[in-house]
Amino acid sequence: MKKLMIALAAIATAVAVQAAAVDWTFNIGLQDANFTDVEGTVAFYLTSDLSSPLANSPFDIQAGGSVSGTVTGEDQKSWTARITITNFDEGGSFYTDYVFDMDTVAHPNYADANTYLTGLGAEVTSAFLKDYTLDLTASAASQGFTAVPEPTSGLLILLGMAGLALKRKRA
């Protein structure tokens, strides 16, 4: 009887996990207001964990500014889409986030979940392009982007702080 209960619990867990996953096939185009292709990546995360991208993510932005693919994550959760752009005139990499709910069950004003998810592609694109006014020649900060920190800079700061700590300890 105990083995039967364990088997039923395992089956119930597997069914619950399958029901909680959603595959979203998206296709977005990313060009600035001057029809210049955006270069970089698009990654998707659960908003509660911005350190681990969702399955199949991140995606490279292809020629023509297109990004397409299928991302898998938990349904009924808040997702964060993060675009990292590498071709601002000022150089470097800059990112911006767009938070949205992956609400495929309760989809008000939509015929079904697929229609709702298809509409999210245009919504995410519009958010990334700042309502189609993204300017790769203007500063990234003025458009709400954050600089991606260089790992070597952080390492140098840590080494300097360690050196100061050792010097202070010897004195």
N, C-alpha and C. Protein backbone atom coordinates (compact mmCIF):
# COMPACT_ATOMS: atom_id res chain seq x y z
N MET A 1 0.82 -1.19 0.00
CA MET A 1 0.00 0.00 0.00
C MET A 1 0.87 1.27 0.00
N LYS A 2 1.97 1.17 0.75
CA LYS A 2 2.87 2.31 0.85
C LYS A 2 3.49 2.63 -0.51
N LYS A 3 3.87 1.58 -1.26
CA LYS A 3 4.47 1.77 -2.59
C LYS A 3 3.46 2.39 -3.54
N LEU A 4 2.21 1.98 -3.44
CA LEU A 4 1.15 2.53 -4.29
C LEU A 4 0.96 4.02 -4.00
N MET A 5 0.98 4.39 -2.74
CA MET A 5 0.82 5.80 -2.38
C MET A 5 1.99 6.65 -2.90
N ILE A 6 3.20 6.11 -2.82
CA ILE A 6 4.38 6.82 -3.33
C ILE A 6 4.27 6.99 -4.84
N ALA A 7 3.85 5.93 -5.53
CA ALA A 7 3.70 6.00 -6.98
C ALA A 7 2.65 7.02 -7.37
N LEU A 8 1.53 7.06 -6.68
CA LEU A 8 0.47 8.03 -6.97
C LEU A 8 0.95 9.46 -6.70
N ALA A 9 1.73 9.65 -5.64
CA ALA A 9 2.27 10.98 -5.35
C ALA A 9 3.23 11.42 -6.45
N ALA A 10 4.06 10.50 -6.93
CA ALA A 10 4.99 10.82 -8.01
C ALA A 10 4.25 11.19 -9.29
N ILE A 11 3.19 10.47 -9.62
CA ILE A 11 2.39 10.76 -10.81
C ILE A 11 1.71 12.12 -10.67
N ALA A 12 1.15 12.38 -9.50
CA ALA A 12 0.48 13.68 -9.27
C ALA A 12 1.47 14.83 -9.39
N THR A 13 2.69 14.64 -8.88
CA THR A 13 3.71 15.68 -8.99
C THR A 13 4.08 15.92 -10.45
N ALA A 14 4.24 14.84 -11.20
CA ALA A 14 4.59 14.97 -12.62
C ALA A 14 3.50 15.69 -13.39
N VAL A 15 2.24 15.39 -13.11
CA VAL A 15 1.13 16.06 -13.78
C VAL A 15 1.10 17.54 -13.41
N ALA A 16 1.34 17.85 -12.14
CA ALA A 16 1.32 19.25 -11.70
C ALA A 16 2.44 20.05 -12.36
N VAL A 17 3.61 19.43 -12.48
CA VAL A 17 4.73 20.13 -13.10
C VAL A 17 4.44 20.38 -14.57
N GLN A 18 3.88 19.40 -15.27
CA GLN A 18 3.53 19.58 -16.69
C GLN A 18 2.50 20.69 -16.86
N ALA A 19 1.53 20.74 -15.96
CA ALA A 19 0.48 21.75 -16.07
C ALA A 19 1.03 23.15 -15.80
N ALA A 20 2.12 23.23 -15.05
CA ALA A 20 2.66 24.54 -14.67
C ALA A 20 3.63 25.09 -15.71
N ALA A 21 4.03 24.27 -16.70
CA ALA A 21 4.99 24.73 -17.70
C ALA A 21 4.24 25.30 -18.91
N VAL A 22 4.84 26.31 -19.52
CA VAL A 22 4.25 26.88 -20.73
C VAL A 22 5.37 27.13 -21.73
N ASP A 23 5.11 26.78 -22.98
CA ASP A 23 6.02 27.07 -24.08
C ASP A 23 5.46 28.26 -24.83
N TRP A 24 6.26 29.30 -24.96
CA TRP A 24 5.83 30.49 -25.67
C TRP A 24 6.71 30.66 -26.89
N THR A 25 6.12 30.47 -28.07
CA THR A 25 6.84 30.72 -29.30
C THR A 25 6.60 32.17 -29.68
N PHE A 26 7.69 32.93 -29.76
CA PHE A 26 7.55 34.36 -30.01
C PHE A 26 8.39 34.75 -31.21
N ASN A 27 8.04 35.86 -31.79
CA ASN A 27 8.78 36.41 -32.92
C ASN A 27 8.65 37.93 -32.81
N ILE A 28 9.76 38.60 -32.51
CA ILE A 28 9.73 40.04 -32.36
C ILE A 28 10.79 40.67 -33.25
N GLY A 29 10.55 41.88 -33.68
CA GLY A 29 11.51 42.61 -34.50
C GLY A 29 12.00 43.83 -33.75
N LEU A 30 13.31 44.01 -33.70
CA LEU A 30 13.89 45.08 -32.90
C LEU A 30 14.74 45.99 -33.78
N GLN A 31 14.17 47.12 -34.17
CA GLN A 31 14.91 48.14 -34.90
C GLN A 31 14.64 49.47 -34.20
N ASP A 32 15.59 50.40 -34.34
CA ASP A 32 15.37 51.69 -33.71
C ASP A 32 14.51 52.57 -34.60
N ALA A 33 14.29 53.81 -34.17
CA ALA A 33 13.42 54.74 -34.90
C ALA A 33 13.95 55.06 -36.29
N ASN A 34 15.26 54.87 -36.51
CA ASN A 34 15.86 55.11 -37.83
C ASN A 34 16.00 53.84 -38.64
N PHE A 35 15.30 52.77 -38.22
CA PHE A 35 15.33 51.47 -38.89
C PHE A 35 16.73 50.86 -38.89
N THR A 36 17.50 51.14 -37.86
CA THR A 36 18.80 50.50 -37.68
C THR A 36 18.58 49.23 -36.86
N ASP A 37 19.19 48.14 -37.30
CA ASP A 37 19.04 46.88 -36.57
C ASP A 37 19.69 46.95 -35.20
N VAL A 38 19.00 46.41 -34.22
CA VAL A 38 19.53 46.32 -32.87
C VAL A 38 20.39 45.06 -32.80
N GLU A 39 21.53 45.15 -32.12
CA GLU A 39 22.40 43.99 -31.93
C GLU A 39 22.44 43.65 -30.45
N GLY A 40 22.45 42.36 -30.14
CA GLY A 40 22.53 41.94 -28.75
C GLY A 40 21.77 40.65 -28.51
N THR A 41 21.20 40.52 -27.31
CA THR A 41 20.47 39.31 -26.94
C THR A 41 19.17 39.66 -26.24
N VAL A 42 18.25 38.70 -26.22
CA VAL A 42 17.02 38.81 -25.45
C VAL A 42 16.96 37.57 -24.57
N ALA A 43 16.81 37.77 -23.26
CA ALA A 43 16.73 36.66 -22.32
C ALA A 43 15.43 36.77 -21.53
N PHE A 44 14.91 35.63 -21.12
CA PHE A 44 13.69 35.59 -20.33
C PHE A 44 13.98 34.91 -19.00
N TYR A 45 13.41 35.47 -17.92
CA TYR A 45 13.62 34.98 -16.56
C TYR A 45 12.28 34.95 -15.84
N LEU A 46 12.19 34.13 -14.77
CA LEU A 46 11.13 34.34 -13.81
C LEU A 46 11.55 35.58 -13.04
N THR A 47 10.63 36.49 -12.80
CA THR A 47 10.95 37.74 -12.14
C THR A 47 11.54 37.50 -10.75
N SER A 48 11.18 36.39 -10.14
CA SER A 48 11.69 36.06 -8.81
C SER A 48 13.13 35.56 -8.83
N ASP A 49 13.68 35.26 -10.04
CA ASP A 49 15.05 34.74 -10.14
C ASP A 49 15.71 35.28 -11.41
N LEU A 50 16.33 36.45 -11.30
CA LEU A 50 16.95 37.08 -12.47
C LEU A 50 18.36 36.57 -12.73
N SER A 51 18.78 35.52 -12.03
CA SER A 51 20.12 34.99 -12.26
C SER A 51 20.11 33.75 -13.15
N SER A 52 18.95 33.12 -13.33
CA SER A 52 18.87 31.88 -14.13
C SER A 52 17.87 32.07 -15.26
N PRO A 53 18.35 32.19 -16.51
CA PRO A 53 17.42 32.33 -17.64
C PRO A 53 16.53 31.10 -17.78
N LEU A 54 15.34 31.30 -18.33
CA LEU A 54 14.42 30.20 -18.59
C LEU A 54 14.98 29.31 -19.69
N ALA A 55 14.40 28.12 -19.83
CA ALA A 55 14.87 27.14 -20.81
C ALA A 55 14.87 27.72 -22.22
N ASN A 56 15.92 27.43 -22.96
CA ASN A 56 16.17 27.87 -24.35
C ASN A 56 16.65 29.32 -24.43
N SER A 57 16.67 30.04 -23.36
CA SER A 57 17.01 31.46 -23.35
C SER A 57 18.46 31.60 -22.90
N PRO A 58 19.21 32.62 -23.32
CA PRO A 58 18.83 33.78 -24.13
C PRO A 58 18.90 33.50 -25.63
N PHE A 59 18.36 34.46 -26.40
CA PHE A 59 18.32 34.38 -27.85
C PHE A 59 19.13 35.52 -28.44
N ASP A 60 19.90 35.23 -29.49
CA ASP A 60 20.64 36.27 -30.19
C ASP A 60 19.71 37.04 -31.11
N ILE A 61 19.91 38.34 -31.21
CA ILE A 61 19.15 39.16 -32.16
C ILE A 61 19.81 38.97 -33.52
N GLN A 62 19.04 38.52 -34.48
CA GLN A 62 19.55 38.19 -35.81
C GLN A 62 19.53 39.40 -36.73
N ALA A 63 20.09 39.22 -37.94
CA ALA A 63 20.05 40.29 -38.95
C ALA A 63 18.60 40.70 -39.19
N GLY A 64 18.40 41.98 -39.39
CA GLY A 64 17.04 42.49 -39.55
C GLY A 64 16.38 42.79 -38.22
N GLY A 65 17.12 42.56 -37.12
CA GLY A 65 16.58 42.86 -35.80
C GLY A 65 15.57 41.85 -35.30
N SER A 66 15.54 40.65 -35.91
CA SER A 66 14.52 39.68 -35.52
C SER A 66 15.02 38.75 -34.42
N VAL A 67 14.10 38.42 -33.54
CA VAL A 67 14.35 37.46 -32.47
C VAL A 67 13.17 36.51 -32.48
N SER A 68 13.45 35.23 -32.55
CA SER A 68 12.35 34.27 -32.51
C SER A 68 12.83 33.00 -31.84
N GLY A 69 11.91 32.27 -31.28
CA GLY A 69 12.24 31.02 -30.63
C GLY A 69 11.13 30.61 -29.70
N THR A 70 11.38 29.54 -28.95
CA THR A 70 10.42 29.04 -27.99
C THR A 70 11.08 29.02 -26.62
N VAL A 71 10.46 29.68 -25.68
CA VAL A 71 10.98 29.73 -24.32
C VAL A 71 10.01 28.98 -23.42
N THR A 72 10.56 28.24 -22.46
CA THR A 72 9.75 27.42 -21.56
C THR A 72 9.95 27.88 -20.13
N GLY A 73 8.85 28.10 -19.44
CA GLY A 73 8.91 28.52 -18.04
C GLY A 73 7.60 28.24 -17.35
N GLU A 74 7.46 28.73 -16.14
CA GLU A 74 6.27 28.45 -15.35
C GLU A 74 5.11 29.36 -15.74
N ASP A 75 3.94 28.74 -15.85
CA ASP A 75 2.71 29.47 -16.14
C ASP A 75 2.25 30.21 -14.89
N GLN A 76 1.44 31.23 -15.10
CA GLN A 76 0.85 31.99 -13.99
C GLN A 76 1.91 32.64 -13.11
N LYS A 77 3.04 32.99 -13.69
CA LYS A 77 4.12 33.64 -12.95
C LYS A 77 4.46 34.96 -13.62
N SER A 78 5.16 35.79 -12.91
CA SER A 78 5.66 37.03 -13.48
C SER A 78 7.00 36.73 -14.16
N TRP A 79 7.11 37.08 -15.44
CA TRP A 79 8.33 36.86 -16.21
C TRP A 79 8.99 38.22 -16.46
N THR A 80 10.29 38.20 -16.64
CA THR A 80 11.04 39.39 -17.02
C THR A 80 11.76 39.12 -18.32
N ALA A 81 11.53 39.98 -19.29
CA ALA A 81 12.26 39.91 -20.55
C ALA A 81 13.38 40.95 -20.45
N ARG A 82 14.61 40.55 -20.74
CA ARG A 82 15.75 41.46 -20.65
C ARG A 82 16.44 41.53 -22.02
N ILE A 83 16.50 42.76 -22.55
CA ILE A 83 17.22 42.96 -23.80
C ILE A 83 18.57 43.60 -23.45
N THR A 84 19.62 43.02 -24.01
CA THR A 84 20.96 43.59 -23.87
C THR A 84 21.40 44.06 -25.24
N ILE A 85 21.67 45.35 -25.38
CA ILE A 85 22.05 45.94 -26.67
C ILE A 85 23.53 46.27 -26.64
N THR A 86 24.21 45.91 -27.74
CA THR A 86 25.66 46.12 -27.80
C THR A 86 26.07 47.16 -28.83
N ASN A 87 25.13 47.76 -29.56
CA ASN A 87 25.54 48.69 -30.62
C ASN A 87 25.10 50.14 -30.41
N PHE A 88 25.06 50.58 -29.14
CA PHE A 88 24.92 52.01 -28.89
C PHE A 88 26.21 52.70 -29.33
N ASP A 89 26.12 53.93 -29.80
CA ASP A 89 27.31 54.66 -30.27
C ASP A 89 28.36 54.82 -29.17
N GLU A 90 27.92 54.88 -27.92
CA GLU A 90 28.87 55.09 -26.83
C GLU A 90 29.67 53.84 -26.49
N GLY A 91 29.38 52.72 -27.14
CA GLY A 91 30.10 51.47 -26.89
C GLY A 91 29.60 50.78 -25.64
N GLY A 92 30.08 49.58 -25.41
CA GLY A 92 29.68 48.82 -24.22
C GLY A 92 28.36 48.11 -24.43
N SER A 93 27.92 47.41 -23.39
CA SER A 93 26.65 46.69 -23.40
C SER A 93 25.72 47.31 -22.37
N PHE A 94 24.46 47.43 -22.74
CA PHE A 94 23.45 48.02 -21.86
C PHE A 94 22.20 47.16 -21.91
N TYR A 95 21.51 47.07 -20.76
CA TYR A 95 20.30 46.25 -20.74
C TYR A 95 19.13 47.02 -20.14
N THR A 96 17.93 46.55 -20.50
CA THR A 96 16.70 47.04 -19.88
C THR A 96 15.76 45.86 -19.72
N ASP A 97 14.94 45.89 -18.69
CA ASP A 97 14.01 44.81 -18.38
C ASP A 97 12.58 45.22 -18.66
N TYR A 98 11.77 44.24 -19.01
CA TYR A 98 10.33 44.45 -19.13
C TYR A 98 9.66 43.31 -18.38
N VAL A 99 8.86 43.63 -17.38
CA VAL A 99 8.21 42.62 -16.55
C VAL A 99 6.77 42.45 -17.02
N PHE A 100 6.35 41.19 -17.18
CA PHE A 100 4.97 40.91 -17.59
C PHE A 100 4.53 39.60 -16.95
N ASP A 101 3.22 39.40 -16.87
CA ASP A 101 2.67 38.16 -16.30
C ASP A 101 2.40 37.17 -17.42
N MET A 102 2.88 35.94 -17.24
CA MET A 102 2.60 34.88 -18.20
C MET A 102 1.28 34.26 -17.79
N ASP A 103 0.23 34.96 -18.12
CA ASP A 103 -1.11 34.61 -17.68
C ASP A 103 -1.84 33.93 -18.84
N THR A 104 -1.68 32.60 -18.94
CA THR A 104 -2.28 31.90 -20.08
C THR A 104 -3.63 31.26 -19.74
N VAL A 105 -4.04 31.31 -18.50
CA VAL A 105 -5.33 30.72 -18.15
C VAL A 105 -6.39 31.81 -18.09
N ALA A 106 -6.15 32.84 -17.30
CA ALA A 106 -7.08 33.96 -17.24
C ALA A 106 -6.60 35.00 -18.25
N HIS A 107 -7.21 35.02 -19.41
CA HIS A 107 -6.78 35.93 -20.48
C HIS A 107 -7.96 36.81 -20.89
N PRO A 108 -8.23 37.84 -20.09
CA PRO A 108 -9.38 38.70 -20.39
C PRO A 108 -9.22 39.39 -21.75
N ASN A 109 -10.31 39.49 -22.47
CA ASN A 109 -10.39 40.15 -23.78
C ASN A 109 -9.66 39.38 -24.89
N TYR A 110 -9.30 38.12 -24.66
CA TYR A 110 -8.67 37.30 -25.69
C TYR A 110 -9.47 36.03 -25.87
N ALA A 111 -9.51 35.54 -27.10
CA ALA A 111 -10.31 34.34 -27.40
C ALA A 111 -9.75 33.10 -26.71
N ASP A 112 -8.43 32.97 -26.66
CA ASP A 112 -7.81 31.81 -26.03
C ASP A 112 -6.38 32.15 -25.63
N ALA A 113 -5.73 31.20 -25.00
CA ALA A 113 -4.38 31.43 -24.49
C ALA A 113 -3.39 31.71 -25.63
N ASN A 114 -3.52 31.02 -26.77
CA ASN A 114 -2.59 31.24 -27.88
C ASN A 114 -2.69 32.66 -28.42
N THR A 115 -3.90 33.20 -28.52
CA THR A 115 -4.08 34.58 -28.99
C THR A 115 -3.45 35.55 -28.00
N TYR A 116 -3.64 35.25 -26.72
CA TYR A 116 -3.05 36.10 -25.68
C TYR A 116 -1.52 36.10 -25.80
N LEU A 117 -0.92 34.92 -25.92
CA LEU A 117 0.54 34.81 -25.99
C LEU A 117 1.08 35.46 -27.26
N THR A 118 0.39 35.34 -28.37
CA THR A 118 0.83 35.98 -29.61
C THR A 118 0.87 37.49 -29.43
N GLY A 119 -0.12 38.04 -28.75
CA GLY A 119 -0.15 39.48 -28.50
C GLY A 119 1.00 39.95 -27.62
N LEU A 120 1.53 39.08 -26.77
CA LEU A 120 2.64 39.47 -25.89
C LEU A 120 3.89 39.82 -26.69
N GLY A 121 4.09 39.19 -27.85
CA GLY A 121 5.26 39.50 -28.67
C GLY A 121 5.29 40.98 -29.05
N ALA A 122 4.17 41.51 -29.50
CA ALA A 122 4.09 42.93 -29.88
C ALA A 122 4.23 43.82 -28.65
N GLU A 123 3.66 43.39 -27.52
CA GLU A 123 3.74 44.17 -26.29
C GLU A 123 5.19 44.27 -25.80
N VAL A 124 5.92 43.15 -25.84
CA VAL A 124 7.31 43.14 -25.39
C VAL A 124 8.16 43.97 -26.35
N THR A 125 7.93 43.83 -27.65
CA THR A 125 8.68 44.62 -28.64
C THR A 125 8.49 46.10 -28.40
N SER A 126 7.25 46.52 -28.21
CA SER A 126 6.96 47.93 -27.98
C SER A 126 7.66 48.44 -26.72
N ALA A 127 7.68 47.63 -25.67
CA ALA A 127 8.34 48.04 -24.43
C ALA A 127 9.84 48.16 -24.64
N PHE A 128 10.44 47.22 -25.36
CA PHE A 128 11.88 47.26 -25.61
C PHE A 128 12.28 48.48 -26.44
N LEU A 129 11.45 48.81 -27.41
CA LEU A 129 11.79 49.91 -28.31
C LEU A 129 11.26 51.24 -27.80
N LYS A 130 10.83 51.28 -26.55
CA LYS A 130 10.36 52.52 -25.93
C LYS A 130 9.31 53.19 -26.82
N ASP A 131 8.29 52.40 -27.19
CA ASP A 131 7.22 52.85 -28.08
C ASP A 131 7.78 53.32 -29.42
N TYR A 132 8.73 52.55 -29.93
CA TYR A 132 9.31 52.74 -31.26
C TYR A 132 10.10 54.05 -31.40
N THR A 133 10.73 54.48 -30.31
CA THR A 133 11.57 55.67 -30.38
C THR A 133 13.00 55.39 -29.92
N LEU A 134 13.38 54.13 -29.84
CA LEU A 134 14.74 53.79 -29.42
C LEU A 134 15.75 54.44 -30.36
N ASP A 135 16.77 55.06 -29.78
CA ASP A 135 17.78 55.76 -30.57
C ASP A 135 19.15 55.25 -30.18
N LEU A 136 19.80 54.51 -31.09
CA LEU A 136 21.10 53.93 -30.79
C LEU A 136 22.21 54.98 -30.76
N THR A 137 21.91 56.21 -31.21
CA THR A 137 22.92 57.27 -31.19
C THR A 137 22.83 58.11 -29.92
N ALA A 138 21.71 58.01 -29.19
CA ALA A 138 21.56 58.73 -27.92
C ALA A 138 22.15 57.88 -26.80
N SER A 139 22.40 58.48 -25.66
CA SER A 139 22.99 57.71 -24.57
C SER A 139 22.00 56.65 -24.09
N ALA A 140 22.55 55.52 -23.71
CA ALA A 140 21.70 54.43 -23.21
C ALA A 140 21.00 54.84 -21.93
N ALA A 141 21.71 55.51 -21.02
CA ALA A 141 21.14 55.91 -19.74
C ALA A 141 19.94 56.83 -19.92
N SER A 142 19.99 57.71 -20.91
CA SER A 142 18.88 58.64 -21.12
C SER A 142 17.62 57.92 -21.59
N GLN A 143 17.77 56.66 -22.02
CA GLN A 143 16.63 55.88 -22.49
C GLN A 143 16.25 54.78 -21.51
N GLY A 144 16.83 54.83 -20.32
CA GLY A 144 16.44 53.88 -19.28
C GLY A 144 17.23 52.58 -19.27
N PHE A 145 18.34 52.51 -19.99
CA PHE A 145 19.16 51.31 -19.99
C PHE A 145 20.21 51.39 -18.89
N THR A 146 20.64 50.25 -18.39
CA THR A 146 21.66 50.14 -17.35
C THR A 146 22.90 49.49 -17.94
N ALA A 147 24.07 49.96 -17.57
CA ALA A 147 25.31 49.39 -18.09
C ALA A 147 25.51 47.99 -17.52
N VAL A 148 25.97 47.08 -18.39
CA VAL A 148 26.33 45.74 -17.95
C VAL A 148 27.74 45.84 -17.39
N PRO A 149 27.94 45.51 -16.12
CA PRO A 149 29.28 45.68 -15.53
C PRO A 149 30.29 44.73 -16.15
N GLU A 150 31.51 45.25 -16.31
CA GLU A 150 32.59 44.42 -16.82
C GLU A 150 33.11 43.55 -15.70
N PRO A 151 33.28 42.26 -15.93
CA PRO A 151 33.78 41.40 -14.85
C PRO A 151 35.19 41.77 -14.42
N THR A 152 36.02 42.26 -15.33
CA THR A 152 37.40 42.59 -14.96
C THR A 152 37.45 43.79 -14.02
N SER A 153 36.55 44.74 -14.19
CA SER A 153 36.51 45.90 -13.29
C SER A 153 36.17 45.46 -11.88
N GLY A 154 35.19 44.60 -11.75
CA GLY A 154 34.80 44.09 -10.44
C GLY A 154 35.93 43.30 -9.79
N LEU A 155 36.63 42.53 -10.60
CA LEU A 155 37.75 41.74 -10.08
C LEU A 155 38.86 42.65 -9.58
N LEU A 156 39.17 43.71 -10.32
CA LEU A 156 40.21 44.65 -9.90
C LEU A 156 39.84 45.34 -8.58
N ILE A 157 38.57 45.70 -8.45
CA ILE A 157 38.12 46.34 -7.21
C ILE A 157 38.27 45.38 -6.03
N LEU A 158 37.88 44.12 -6.23
CA LEU A 158 38.02 43.12 -5.16
C LEU A 158 39.48 42.91 -4.78
N LEU A 159 40.36 42.83 -5.77
CA LEU A 159 41.78 42.67 -5.49
C LEU A 159 42.33 43.86 -4.70
N GLY A 160 41.94 45.06 -5.09
CA GLY A 160 42.37 46.26 -4.38
C GLY A 160 41.90 46.28 -2.94
N MET A 161 40.64 45.90 -2.72
CA MET A 161 40.11 45.86 -1.36
C MET A 161 40.82 44.80 -0.53
N ALA A 162 41.13 43.65 -1.14
CA ALA A 162 41.86 42.60 -0.42
C ALA A 162 43.26 43.08 -0.04
N GLY A 163 43.91 43.80 -0.96
CA GLY A 163 45.23 44.35 -0.68
C GLY A 163 45.20 45.34 0.47
N LEU A 164 44.19 46.21 0.48
CA LEU A 164 44.04 47.16 1.58
C LEU A 164 43.79 46.44 2.91
N ALA A 165 42.99 45.39 2.87
CA ALA A 165 42.70 44.63 4.09
C ALA A 165 43.97 43.97 4.63
N LEU A 166 44.78 43.41 3.73
CA LEU A 166 46.03 42.79 4.17
C LEU A 166 47.00 43.82 4.73
N LYS A 167 47.08 44.96 4.08
CA LYS A 167 47.98 46.03 4.53
C LYS A 167 47.56 46.51 5.92
N ARG A 168 46.27 46.68 6.12
CA ARG A 168 45.75 47.15 7.40
C ARG A 168 46.01 46.11 8.49
N LYS A 169 45.90 44.81 8.13
CA LYS A 169 46.08 43.75 9.09
C LYS A 169 47.52 43.69 9.58
N ARG A 170 48.49 43.97 8.67
CA ARG A 170 49.91 43.95 9.04
C ARG A 170 50.32 45.16 9.85
N ALA A 171 49.64 46.27 9.68
CA ALA A 171 50.04 47.52 10.37
C ALA A 171 49.70 47.55 11.82
